[in-house]
């Protein structure tokens, strides 16, 4: 019988990326300047971990919601250096350690046909987000953000993509709505998709593909598969890890599209000359080492625990530096691209399942 993984470990995979919501402020690196912000973010992160452990709330969602509810604390400028440090530097360190979760061989294990089907589901999610954004008169970048986050790995992909898209194209309110909406949509999918798979009498492989390809966040996609059977959970793990590995190509494609659009409009591009942000390059380097070197399980376990703590701290600090009033003023149109991307990915996965 296949051993069930520690789903909590995969919550680390639900958040890697770089957020650029922060205002242009001088960065201070002295311990005394960082301490207030880091302390308050750490306390809120511990509260989120307690809620997750006690009530089963997804860890990242708990940190995000608690951080948003306490965003008024960031009005004290003494917290800014520490919160900024956690949102950027701590985040990048956690990203690097996430490479210990995936190997190239796990991705290759999926096979050509299922990988092609997975690619179609991801394209459908992005197209659904873009189409819905256009229908409700939202910026195309908002649809790309929602679609890309749905296609890859939820909140983590949203953060990574926002690091390229930037607040000039998608405002803070829209981004905050995307983070919350993606988390809630993933939680809803976890509740519905395993039941749907059983009702449709899908095989273990088909159920694993449905949950791994259509549920947004890593832990919930894998947990949804194991809710059907151990075999479905094992297959969902492989499918979901393949999606996670495709974040780097997606970020590169988005950067190319935005740079081309800037040139065609005669505007100066604000994107970096190098397509991939440094955090993704470092993640890929660790992933490659993990694929070709035999890293002891104890080291992998310590790295995973450290990445979970760092990424929870980062998302909590990021939420605390967001403007809650922008989130409340966004309206229903801001959620529409997430709904479009979610429905499109589900429909595409169900249509492709008979061919597997």
Protein backbone atom coordinates (compact mmCIF):
# COMPACT_ATOMS: atom_id res chain seq x y z
CA UNK A 1 0.00 0.00 0.00
CA UNK A 2 1.29 3.43 -0.88
CA UNK A 3 2.33 5.45 2.18
CA UNK A 4 0.43 8.70 2.50
CA UNK A 5 2.68 11.75 2.56
CA UNK A 6 2.62 14.46 5.20
CA UNK A 7 0.16 16.88 3.60
CA UNK A 8 1.38 19.65 5.90
CA UNK A 9 4.77 19.45 4.25
CA UNK A 10 3.24 20.36 0.91
CA UNK A 11 1.84 23.62 2.25
CA UNK A 12 5.35 24.95 1.72
CA UNK A 13 4.86 24.37 -2.00
CA UNK A 14 1.81 26.58 -1.93
CA UNK A 15 3.80 29.76 -1.71
CA UNK A 16 6.87 30.59 -3.65
CA UNK A 17 7.07 33.78 -5.60
CA UNK A 18 8.00 37.40 -5.18
CA UNK A 19 5.58 40.17 -4.23
CA UNK A 20 6.09 43.78 -5.18
CA UNK A 21 3.26 45.47 -3.34
CA UNK A 22 5.67 47.33 -1.13
CA UNK A 23 6.13 51.05 -1.38
CA UNK A 24 9.47 52.48 -2.40
CA UNK A 25 11.13 52.94 0.96
CA UNK A 26 14.81 52.85 1.92
CA UNK A 27 15.74 49.38 3.12
CA UNK A 28 17.39 49.12 6.51
CA UNK A 29 19.21 45.98 7.49
CA UNK A 30 20.14 46.64 11.12
CA UNK A 31 18.75 44.11 13.59
CA UNK A 32 17.11 46.82 15.65
CA UNK A 33 15.24 48.15 12.61
CA UNK A 34 14.08 44.68 11.50
CA UNK A 35 13.03 43.45 14.93
CA UNK A 36 9.57 45.10 15.37
CA UNK A 37 8.21 43.96 12.01
CA UNK A 38 9.71 40.47 12.20
CA UNK A 39 8.39 40.01 15.73
CA UNK A 40 4.80 40.92 14.90
CA UNK A 41 4.87 38.78 11.73
CA UNK A 42 6.26 35.83 13.70
CA UNK A 43 3.55 36.11 16.36
CA UNK A 44 0.79 36.22 13.73
CA UNK A 45 2.39 33.28 11.89
CA UNK A 46 2.40 31.21 15.09
CA UNK A 47 -1.29 32.03 15.55
CA UNK A 48 -1.96 30.88 11.98
CA UNK A 49 -0.07 27.65 12.59
CA UNK A 50 -2.15 27.05 15.74
CA UNK A 51 -5.40 27.57 13.84
CA UNK A 52 -4.25 25.25 11.06
CA UNK A 53 -3.18 22.53 13.49
CA UNK A 54 -6.29 22.80 15.66
CA UNK A 55 -9.07 23.38 13.15
CA UNK A 56 -7.62 22.04 9.90
CA UNK A 57 -7.57 25.42 8.14
CA UNK A 58 -5.07 25.49 5.24
CA UNK A 59 -1.89 26.97 6.66
CA UNK A 60 -1.27 29.57 3.97
CA UNK A 61 -4.91 30.69 3.99
CA UNK A 62 -4.80 31.12 7.77
CA UNK A 63 -1.65 33.25 7.54
CA UNK A 64 -3.11 35.30 4.70
CA UNK A 65 -6.42 36.04 6.44
CA UNK A 66 -4.85 36.80 9.82
CA UNK A 67 -2.31 39.07 8.15
CA UNK A 68 -5.02 40.96 6.27
CA UNK A 69 -7.13 41.36 9.42
CA UNK A 70 -4.14 42.83 11.28
CA UNK A 71 -2.91 45.01 8.42
CA UNK A 72 -3.59 48.11 10.53
CA UNK A 73 -0.46 47.27 12.52
CA UNK A 74 1.65 48.22 9.51
CA UNK A 75 0.55 51.82 9.91
CA UNK A 76 3.32 51.99 12.48
CA UNK A 77 6.34 52.74 10.31
CA UNK A 78 8.62 50.94 12.76
CA UNK A 79 7.26 47.63 11.44
CA UNK A 80 8.02 48.38 7.79
CA UNK A 81 11.68 47.26 7.56
CA UNK A 82 10.96 43.90 9.22
CA UNK A 83 7.80 43.21 7.22
CA UNK A 84 9.57 44.16 3.99
CA UNK A 85 12.49 41.89 4.87
CA UNK A 86 10.15 38.95 5.52
CA UNK A 87 8.15 39.62 2.35
CA UNK A 88 11.26 39.61 0.17
CA UNK A 89 14.46 38.16 1.61
CA UNK A 90 12.92 35.50 3.85
CA UNK A 91 10.64 34.51 0.97
CA UNK A 92 13.56 33.97 -1.39
CA UNK A 93 15.31 31.74 1.13
CA UNK A 94 12.19 29.62 1.51
CA UNK A 95 11.89 29.35 -2.25
CA UNK A 96 15.38 27.92 -2.62
CA UNK A 97 14.63 25.18 -0.11
CA UNK A 98 11.48 24.16 -1.96
CA UNK A 99 13.62 22.57 -4.65
CA UNK A 100 14.11 19.70 -2.20
CA UNK A 101 10.47 18.66 -2.78
CA UNK A 102 10.64 17.87 -6.50
CA UNK A 103 12.92 15.89 -8.79
CA UNK A 104 13.08 15.73 -12.56
CA UNK A 105 12.39 12.00 -12.39
CA UNK A 106 9.06 12.57 -10.65
CA UNK A 107 8.03 14.81 -13.53
CA UNK A 108 9.22 12.33 -16.16
CA UNK A 109 7.25 9.59 -14.42
CA UNK A 110 4.01 11.22 -15.59
CA UNK A 111 4.44 10.14 -19.21
CA UNK A 112 3.84 11.91 -22.52
CA UNK A 113 0.05 11.56 -22.91
CA UNK A 114 -0.93 12.63 -19.37
CA UNK A 115 1.60 15.48 -19.56
CA UNK A 116 0.01 16.70 -22.80
CA UNK A 117 -3.43 16.49 -21.21
CA UNK A 118 -2.14 18.44 -18.21
CA UNK A 119 -0.76 21.14 -20.51
CA UNK A 120 -4.18 21.48 -22.15
CA UNK A 121 -5.86 21.87 -18.76
CA UNK A 122 -3.38 24.59 -17.81
CA UNK A 123 -3.91 26.44 -21.09
CA UNK A 124 -7.68 26.22 -20.55
CA UNK A 125 -7.31 27.76 -17.08
CA UNK A 126 -5.32 30.71 -18.42
CA UNK A 127 -7.74 31.18 -21.32
CA UNK A 128 -10.69 31.05 -18.92
CA UNK A 129 -9.19 33.73 -16.72
CA UNK A 130 -8.43 35.99 -19.67
CA UNK A 131 -11.88 35.52 -21.23
CA UNK A 132 -13.74 36.22 -18.00
CA UNK A 133 -11.61 39.29 -17.33
CA UNK A 134 -12.57 40.63 -20.73
CA UNK A 135 -16.27 39.88 -20.21
CA UNK A 136 -16.39 41.81 -16.92
CA UNK A 137 -14.12 44.58 -18.21
CA UNK A 138 -11.15 43.81 -15.98
CA UNK A 139 -7.54 44.33 -17.15
CA UNK A 140 -6.17 41.43 -19.19
CA UNK A 141 -3.28 41.22 -16.71
CA UNK A 142 -5.82 40.45 -13.96
CA UNK A 143 -7.10 37.54 -16.03
CA UNK A 144 -3.56 36.37 -16.69
CA UNK A 145 -2.79 36.52 -12.96
CA UNK A 146 -5.89 34.53 -12.01
CA UNK A 147 -5.49 32.04 -14.86
CA UNK A 148 -1.79 31.47 -14.24
CA UNK A 149 -2.32 31.00 -10.52
CA UNK A 150 -5.10 28.47 -11.17
CA UNK A 151 -3.05 26.66 -13.81
CA UNK A 152 0.09 26.16 -11.72
CA UNK A 153 -0.11 26.13 -7.93
CA UNK A 154 -2.49 28.69 -6.53
CA UNK A 155 -1.21 31.40 -4.21
CA UNK A 156 2.42 30.56 -4.91
CA UNK A 157 2.04 31.13 -8.64
CA UNK A 158 0.04 34.31 -8.03
CA UNK A 159 2.90 35.72 -5.99
CA UNK A 160 5.48 34.71 -8.57
CA UNK A 161 3.49 36.15 -11.46
CA UNK A 162 2.82 39.38 -9.61
CA UNK A 163 6.55 39.79 -9.25
CA UNK A 164 6.63 40.12 -13.07
CA UNK A 165 3.28 41.82 -13.71
CA UNK A 166 3.67 44.45 -10.99
CA UNK A 167 1.26 46.88 -9.36
CA UNK A 168 1.34 49.25 -12.34
CA UNK A 169 -0.72 46.72 -14.30
CA UNK A 170 -2.74 45.11 -11.46
CA UNK A 171 -3.49 47.21 -8.39
CA UNK A 172 -3.11 46.04 -4.82
CA UNK A 173 -6.83 45.52 -4.29
CA UNK A 174 -7.12 43.21 -7.30
CA UNK A 175 -4.06 41.26 -6.19
CA UNK A 176 -5.37 40.83 -2.64
CA UNK A 177 -8.70 39.62 -4.02
CA UNK A 178 -6.84 37.13 -6.22
CA UNK A 179 -4.92 35.71 -3.26
CA UNK A 180 -8.03 35.26 -1.13
CA UNK A 181 -10.16 34.04 -4.06
CA UNK A 182 -7.61 31.45 -5.18
CA UNK A 183 -7.32 30.10 -1.63
CA UNK A 184 -11.09 29.83 -1.20
CA UNK A 185 -11.58 28.30 -4.67
CA UNK A 186 -8.95 25.68 -3.90
CA UNK A 187 -10.59 24.84 -0.58
CA UNK A 188 -13.96 24.48 -2.33
CA UNK A 189 -12.41 22.23 -5.00
CA UNK A 190 -10.92 20.01 -2.29
CA UNK A 191 -14.42 19.49 -0.90
CA UNK A 192 -16.14 18.89 -4.25
CA UNK A 193 -13.74 17.18 -6.69
CA UNK A 194 -13.06 13.93 -4.76
CA UNK A 195 -16.82 13.44 -4.33
CA UNK A 196 -17.30 14.17 -8.03
CA UNK A 197 -14.65 11.58 -8.93
CA UNK A 198 -16.38 8.92 -6.86
CA UNK A 199 -19.81 9.85 -8.26
CA UNK A 200 -18.49 9.56 -11.83
CA UNK A 201 -16.93 6.18 -10.96
CA UNK A 202 -13.49 7.26 -12.18
CA UNK A 203 -10.52 4.92 -11.99
CA UNK A 204 -7.72 5.70 -9.53
CA UNK A 205 -5.56 7.18 -12.28
CA UNK A 206 -8.42 9.29 -13.62
CA UNK A 207 -9.36 10.54 -10.14
CA UNK A 208 -5.72 11.33 -9.43
CA UNK A 209 -5.47 13.29 -12.67
CA UNK A 210 -8.65 15.24 -11.90
CA UNK A 211 -7.53 16.33 -8.43
CA UNK A 212 -3.89 16.84 -9.37
CA UNK A 213 -4.65 18.82 -12.53
CA UNK A 214 -7.65 20.90 -11.43
CA UNK A 215 -7.22 21.70 -7.72
CA UNK A 216 -5.15 24.83 -7.24
CA UNK A 217 -2.84 24.46 -4.22
CA UNK A 218 -0.34 21.65 -3.76
CA UNK A 219 -1.41 20.19 -0.42
CA UNK A 220 -5.10 20.28 -1.31
CA UNK A 221 -4.54 18.71 -4.74
CA UNK A 222 -2.64 15.82 -3.19
CA UNK A 223 -5.05 15.52 -0.27
CA UNK A 224 -7.96 15.40 -2.71
CA UNK A 225 -6.39 12.44 -4.47
CA UNK A 226 -5.85 10.52 -1.25
CA UNK A 227 -9.46 11.26 -0.28
CA UNK A 228 -10.39 8.91 -3.16
CA UNK A 229 -7.73 6.22 -2.64
CA UNK A 230 -4.03 5.73 -1.94
CA UNK A 231 -3.38 5.01 -5.63
CA UNK A 232 -5.25 8.13 -6.73
CA UNK A 233 -3.29 10.17 -4.20
CA UNK A 234 0.04 8.88 -5.47
CA UNK A 235 -0.93 9.76 -9.05
CA UNK A 236 -2.25 13.18 -8.01
CA UNK A 237 1.12 13.88 -6.34
CA UNK A 238 3.01 13.29 -9.59
CA UNK A 239 0.55 15.38 -11.62
CA UNK A 240 0.66 18.26 -9.17
CA UNK A 241 4.45 18.29 -8.92
CA UNK A 242 4.62 18.48 -12.71
CA UNK A 243 2.42 21.59 -12.56
CA UNK A 244 4.67 23.16 -9.93
CA UNK A 245 7.75 22.60 -12.07
CA UNK A 246 6.12 24.49 -14.94
CA UNK A 247 6.00 27.74 -12.97
CA UNK A 248 9.38 28.86 -14.31
CA UNK A 249 8.41 28.53 -18.00
CA UNK A 250 5.12 30.32 -17.32
CA UNK A 251 6.86 33.25 -15.62
CA UNK A 252 9.27 33.49 -18.55
CA UNK A 253 6.39 33.48 -21.07
CA UNK A 254 4.51 36.19 -19.16
CA UNK A 255 7.65 38.33 -19.02
CA UNK A 256 8.11 37.95 -22.79
CA UNK A 257 4.48 38.86 -23.51
CA UNK A 258 4.56 41.94 -21.30
CA UNK A 259 7.89 43.09 -22.71
CA UNK A 260 6.58 42.69 -26.28
CA UNK A 261 3.41 44.60 -25.39
CA UNK A 262 5.44 47.43 -23.88
CA UNK A 263 7.55 47.71 -27.03
CA UNK A 264 4.51 47.61 -29.33
CA UNK A 265 2.90 50.42 -27.32
CA UNK A 266 6.09 52.46 -27.42
CA UNK A 267 6.47 52.40 -23.66
CA UNK A 268 9.66 51.68 -21.77
CA UNK A 269 9.55 48.23 -20.21
CA UNK A 270 9.92 48.03 -16.44
CA UNK A 271 10.75 44.32 -16.60
CA UNK A 272 14.20 42.91 -15.81
CA UNK A 273 16.40 42.05 -18.77
CA UNK A 274 16.71 38.48 -17.52
CA UNK A 275 13.46 36.58 -17.99
CA UNK A 276 13.53 34.49 -14.80
CA UNK A 277 13.70 36.17 -11.40
CA UNK A 278 16.59 35.07 -9.24
CA UNK A 279 14.40 33.12 -6.82
CA UNK A 280 13.20 30.79 -9.59
CA UNK A 281 16.74 30.27 -10.90
CA UNK A 282 17.83 29.28 -7.40
CA UNK A 283 14.82 27.00 -7.01
CA UNK A 284 15.65 25.24 -10.28
CA UNK A 285 19.28 24.84 -9.20
CA UNK A 286 18.26 23.13 -5.95
CA UNK A 287 15.75 20.98 -7.85
CA UNK A 288 18.48 19.86 -10.24
CA UNK A 289 20.85 19.01 -7.40
CA UNK A 290 18.07 17.09 -5.67
CA UNK A 291 17.52 15.13 -8.89
CA UNK A 292 21.14 14.04 -9.41
CA UNK A 293 22.50 13.85 -5.86
CA UNK A 294 21.30 11.54 -3.09
CA UNK A 295 20.37 14.00 -0.37
CA UNK A 296 19.74 12.38 3.05
CA UNK A 297 16.12 12.31 4.15
CA UNK A 298 17.04 14.09 7.38
CA UNK A 299 18.41 17.03 5.39
CA UNK A 300 15.33 17.09 3.17
CA UNK A 301 13.09 17.05 6.24
CA UNK A 302 14.94 19.92 7.89
CA UNK A 303 14.90 21.91 4.67
CA UNK A 304 11.19 21.36 4.24
CA UNK A 305 10.43 22.42 7.80
CA UNK A 306 12.54 25.54 7.38
CA UNK A 307 10.87 26.41 4.08
CA UNK A 308 7.39 26.03 5.62
CA UNK A 309 8.28 28.40 8.44
CA UNK A 310 9.93 30.95 6.14
CA UNK A 311 7.13 30.96 3.61
CA UNK A 312 4.41 31.25 6.24
CA UNK A 313 6.27 34.21 7.73
CA UNK A 314 6.57 35.75 4.26
CA UNK A 315 2.88 35.45 3.33
CA UNK A 316 1.80 36.78 6.72
CA UNK A 317 4.09 39.80 6.41
CA UNK A 318 2.96 40.37 2.83
CA UNK A 319 -0.71 40.37 3.88
CA UNK A 320 0.00 42.76 6.73
CA UNK A 321 1.56 45.24 4.27
CA UNK A 322 -1.53 45.11 2.01
CA UNK A 323 -4.33 47.66 2.16
CA UNK A 324 -7.48 46.01 3.43
CA UNK A 325 -9.65 48.91 2.28
CA UNK A 326 -8.62 48.22 -1.33
CA UNK A 327 -9.69 44.61 -0.91
CA UNK A 328 -13.11 45.64 0.42
CA UNK A 329 -13.66 48.14 -2.40
CA UNK A 330 -12.78 45.78 -5.26
CA UNK A 331 -16.27 44.38 -5.96
CA UNK A 332 -17.46 41.14 -7.55
CA UNK A 333 -15.75 41.76 -10.90
CA UNK A 334 -12.38 41.19 -9.26
CA UNK A 335 -13.39 37.62 -8.40
CA UNK A 336 -14.80 36.77 -11.84
CA UNK A 337 -11.46 35.84 -13.51
CA UNK A 338 -10.76 33.32 -10.73
CA UNK A 339 -14.17 31.72 -11.26
CA UNK A 340 -13.63 31.59 -15.01
CA UNK A 341 -10.21 29.96 -14.67
CA UNK A 342 -11.46 27.44 -12.10
CA UNK A 343 -14.45 26.34 -14.17
CA UNK A 344 -12.36 26.15 -17.36
CA UNK A 345 -9.73 23.90 -15.74
CA UNK A 346 -12.39 21.59 -14.29
CA UNK A 347 -14.26 21.24 -17.59
CA UNK A 348 -11.04 20.61 -19.54
CA UNK A 349 -9.89 17.96 -17.05
CA UNK A 350 -13.25 16.15 -17.19
CA UNK A 351 -13.27 16.18 -21.00
CA UNK A 352 -9.73 14.78 -21.22
CA UNK A 353 -10.15 12.05 -18.57
CA UNK A 354 -11.73 9.46 -20.93
CA UNK A 355 -8.58 9.58 -23.09
CA UNK A 356 -6.29 8.61 -20.20
